[in-house]
Protein backbone atom coordinates (compact mmCIF):
# COMPACT_ATOMS: atom_id res chain seq x y z
CA MET A 1 5.81 -42.65 -1.21
CA TYR A 2 5.39 -39.38 -3.70
CA ARG A 3 2.64 -38.12 -0.88
CA LEU A 4 4.91 -38.87 2.10
CA LEU A 5 7.82 -37.21 0.34
CA LEU A 6 5.70 -33.91 -0.52
CA ILE A 7 4.12 -33.93 3.07
CA SER A 8 7.52 -34.28 4.52
CA SER A 9 9.06 -31.57 2.36
CA VAL A 10 6.38 -29.02 3.24
CA LEU A 11 6.63 -29.51 6.99
CA ALA A 12 10.48 -29.28 6.65
CA LEU A 13 9.86 -26.17 4.92
CA ALA A 14 7.51 -24.75 7.46
CA ALA A 15 9.55 -25.70 10.30
CA CYS A 16 12.83 -23.75 8.80
CA GLY A 17 10.65 -20.58 8.43
CA GLY A 18 10.61 -21.00 4.72
CA GLY A 19 6.80 -21.60 4.57
CA ALA A 20 6.01 -17.77 4.34
CA LEU A 21 3.23 -18.44 1.81
CA PRO A 22 0.75 -15.61 2.09
CA SER A 23 -2.24 -16.40 4.19
CA LYS A 24 -5.69 -15.87 2.76
CA ASN A 25 -6.77 -14.43 6.29
CA GLN A 26 -4.31 -11.70 6.62
CA THR A 27 -5.66 -8.47 8.19
CA PRO A 28 -4.49 -5.12 6.67
CA THR A 29 -1.99 -4.58 9.47
CA GLN A 30 -0.48 -7.88 8.93
CA ALA A 31 -0.26 -7.34 5.32
CA LEU A 32 1.39 -3.69 5.90
CA THR A 33 3.89 -4.88 8.26
CA GLY A 34 4.84 -8.00 6.33
CA THR A 35 6.78 -8.44 3.34
CA ALA A 36 5.14 -6.58 0.61
CA GLU A 37 6.21 -8.77 -2.23
CA LEU A 38 4.06 -11.73 -0.67
CA LEU A 39 1.05 -9.94 -1.56
CA GLU A 40 2.14 -10.46 -5.07
CA PHE A 41 1.00 -14.26 -4.67
CA GLU A 42 -2.39 -13.46 -3.14
CA ALA A 43 -5.13 -13.75 -5.69
CA PRO A 44 -6.48 -10.29 -6.87
CA ALA A 45 -9.74 -11.02 -5.03
CA ALA A 46 -7.69 -11.29 -1.82
CA ARG A 47 -5.83 -8.06 -2.51
CA THR A 48 -9.05 -6.26 -3.25
CA GLU A 49 -10.68 -7.38 -0.10
CA LEU A 50 -7.64 -6.16 1.80
CA PHE A 51 -8.00 -2.78 -0.09
CA LYS A 52 -11.72 -2.53 0.80
CA GLU A 53 -10.88 -3.18 4.57
CA VAL A 54 -8.21 -0.34 4.34
CA ALA A 55 -10.74 2.18 2.67
CA ARG A 56 -13.18 1.05 5.26
CA GLN A 57 -10.95 1.57 8.29
CA SER A 58 -9.68 4.98 6.66
CA GLN A 59 -13.49 6.02 6.77
CA VAL A 60 -13.82 5.18 10.55
CA GLN A 61 -10.35 6.58 11.47
CA ALA A 62 -10.84 9.89 9.49
CA GLY A 63 -9.80 12.91 11.98
CA ALA A 64 -8.84 10.56 14.84
CA SER A 65 -5.49 10.68 16.66
CA GLY A 66 -3.37 7.96 17.52
CA ALA A 67 -2.13 5.03 15.57
CA VAL A 68 -4.08 5.05 12.21
CA LEU A 69 -3.54 3.81 8.64
CA PHE A 70 -3.14 7.16 7.12
CA PRO A 71 -1.59 9.65 9.51
CA LEU A 72 -0.98 13.40 8.31
CA LEU A 73 1.22 15.85 10.43
CA GLN A 74 -1.05 18.89 10.98
CA ASN A 75 -0.05 21.84 13.39
CA GLY A 76 2.72 19.43 14.87
CA GLU A 77 0.09 16.59 15.66
CA PHE A 78 -0.47 13.39 13.81
CA VAL A 79 -4.30 12.88 12.67
CA ALA A 80 -5.94 10.45 10.45
CA ALA A 81 -6.48 11.71 6.81
CA PRO A 82 -9.84 11.86 5.39
CA GLY A 83 -11.17 8.69 4.68
CA PHE A 84 -11.83 7.46 0.87
CA ASP A 85 -14.19 5.00 -0.36
CA ALA A 86 -13.42 1.48 -1.45
CA ARG A 87 -14.58 2.33 -5.02
CA PHE A 88 -12.06 5.00 -5.14
CA ASP A 89 -9.48 4.16 -8.00
CA LEU A 90 -6.18 5.34 -6.91
CA LEU A 91 -4.63 4.54 -9.95
CA GLY A 92 -6.77 7.03 -11.62
CA ALA A 93 -4.83 9.91 -10.59
CA PRO A 94 -7.42 12.77 -10.55
CA ASP A 95 -5.03 15.44 -10.40
CA ALA A 96 -3.94 15.16 -14.22
CA GLY A 97 -2.44 18.31 -15.30
CA ALA A 98 -2.02 19.76 -11.84
CA PRO A 99 1.43 21.24 -11.17
CA LEU A 100 2.32 18.59 -8.55
CA VAL A 101 6.02 17.55 -8.71
CA LEU A 102 7.11 14.11 -7.12
CA VAL A 103 10.51 13.16 -6.34
CA PHE A 104 11.14 9.68 -5.31
CA ALA A 105 13.64 8.91 -2.72
CA THR A 106 16.54 6.82 -3.81
CA ARG A 107 16.89 4.89 -0.67
CA ASP A 108 15.11 1.81 -0.89
CA PRO A 109 13.65 2.63 -4.39
CA PHE A 110 10.33 1.22 -5.99
CA SER A 111 10.94 -1.33 -8.38
CA GLU A 112 10.79 -0.16 -11.91
CA ASP A 113 9.79 -3.76 -13.24
CA ARG A 114 6.49 -3.97 -14.98
CA ARG A 115 4.27 -6.47 -13.09
CA ASP A 116 0.81 -7.91 -13.50
CA SER A 117 0.11 -7.15 -9.93
CA PHE A 118 0.34 -3.67 -10.68
CA GLN A 119 -2.19 -3.76 -13.58
CA GLY A 120 1.21 -3.97 -16.02
CA LEU A 121 2.70 -1.03 -14.43
CA SER A 122 5.77 -0.81 -12.26
CA GLU A 123 5.79 -0.49 -8.54
CA ARG A 124 7.17 3.10 -9.18
CA GLU A 125 4.33 3.98 -11.73
CA ALA A 126 1.81 2.59 -9.53
CA ALA A 127 3.23 4.47 -6.40
CA GLU A 128 3.24 7.70 -8.60
CA LEU A 129 -0.28 7.31 -9.43
CA ILE A 130 -1.40 6.49 -5.91
CA ALA A 131 0.57 9.29 -4.34
CA ARG A 132 -1.17 11.87 -6.72
CA SER A 133 -4.50 10.50 -5.86
CA LEU A 134 -4.37 10.26 -2.12
CA LEU A 135 -2.89 13.88 -2.09
CA PHE A 136 -5.74 15.04 -4.19
CA ALA A 137 -8.19 13.06 -1.93
CA TRP A 138 -6.60 14.49 1.19
CA GLY A 139 -6.59 18.14 -0.04
CA VAL A 140 -3.00 18.53 0.14
CA HIS A 141 -1.94 20.99 -2.27
CA PRO A 142 2.11 21.66 -1.67
CA THR A 143 3.75 24.13 -3.33
CA GLN A 144 7.12 22.32 -3.25
CA PRO A 145 8.28 19.16 -4.40
CA VAL A 146 6.84 16.08 -2.70
CA THR A 147 9.37 13.16 -1.63
CA VAL A 148 7.81 10.03 -1.96
CA THR A 149 9.41 7.32 0.16
CA ARG A 150 9.10 3.68 0.26
CA ALA A 151 8.12 2.62 3.72
CA ALA A 152 8.35 -1.18 3.57
CA GLY A 153 6.93 -2.47 6.84
CA ALA A 154 5.44 0.44 8.35
CA PRO A 155 2.35 -0.06 10.27
CA TYR A 156 0.54 2.50 8.16
CA ALA A 157 -0.71 2.35 4.60
CA ALA A 158 0.47 6.02 3.71
CA ALA A 159 1.92 9.02 5.94
CA TRP A 160 2.21 12.70 5.07
CA MET A 161 4.63 14.80 6.87
CA ASP A 162 6.51 17.84 6.24
CA GLY A 163 6.59 17.33 2.29
CA GLU A 164 7.27 13.86 2.36
CA LEU A 165 4.66 10.84 1.42
CA ARG A 166 5.65 7.97 2.95
CA LEU A 167 4.08 5.11 1.05
CA ASN A 168 4.06 1.51 2.16
CA PRO A 169 4.59 -0.85 -0.82
CA ALA A 170 1.94 -3.39 0.42
CA PHE A 171 -0.65 -0.63 0.32
CA VAL A 172 0.62 -0.39 -3.39
CA TYR A 173 -0.13 -4.06 -4.01
CA MET A 174 -3.45 -3.62 -2.41
CA ALA A 175 -4.56 -0.52 -4.40
CA ALA A 176 -3.38 -1.81 -7.42
CA ALA A 177 -5.66 -4.78 -7.42
CA PRO A 178 -8.29 -4.91 -9.98
CA THR A 179 -11.47 -3.58 -8.56
CA THR A 180 -14.80 -5.26 -8.98
CA PRO A 181 -18.14 -3.58 -9.49
């Protein structure tokens, strides 16, 4: 009886659209355009694999134009940012001490709650470190403050345009996953 009740509950939940459990076979594009918070329920190894795939795609797409995971606006045209290695720790912020001023947009702000999914950081703190690392890796040296915007559901991981870094929170979850050697 218990099994029948459990199975019928799961089927009813799925039929109502409430069965939005994260898929173990998500592609990076599905993860980026979905609800970022669902990635919190993924195992760290699954988020790490998604990050590795995003890093691999960043290397393949580097310099390309069109739909890419890391678009940069250069000379009025969007091109893919330079790729990065999957071993690149985006929480390492290699620009320590550099005069880079980040301003976080107040519309749809990054969460300030500390989470295990961000290795004990808040989403905002992780986003700051990732933003600094990406700008450093891309060779972007702005002289004005950089606005960091939370771009939930965007088809890209991060985009740089006109002094604004649009950062997909799903990518923050991927990049904050513990890396394995």
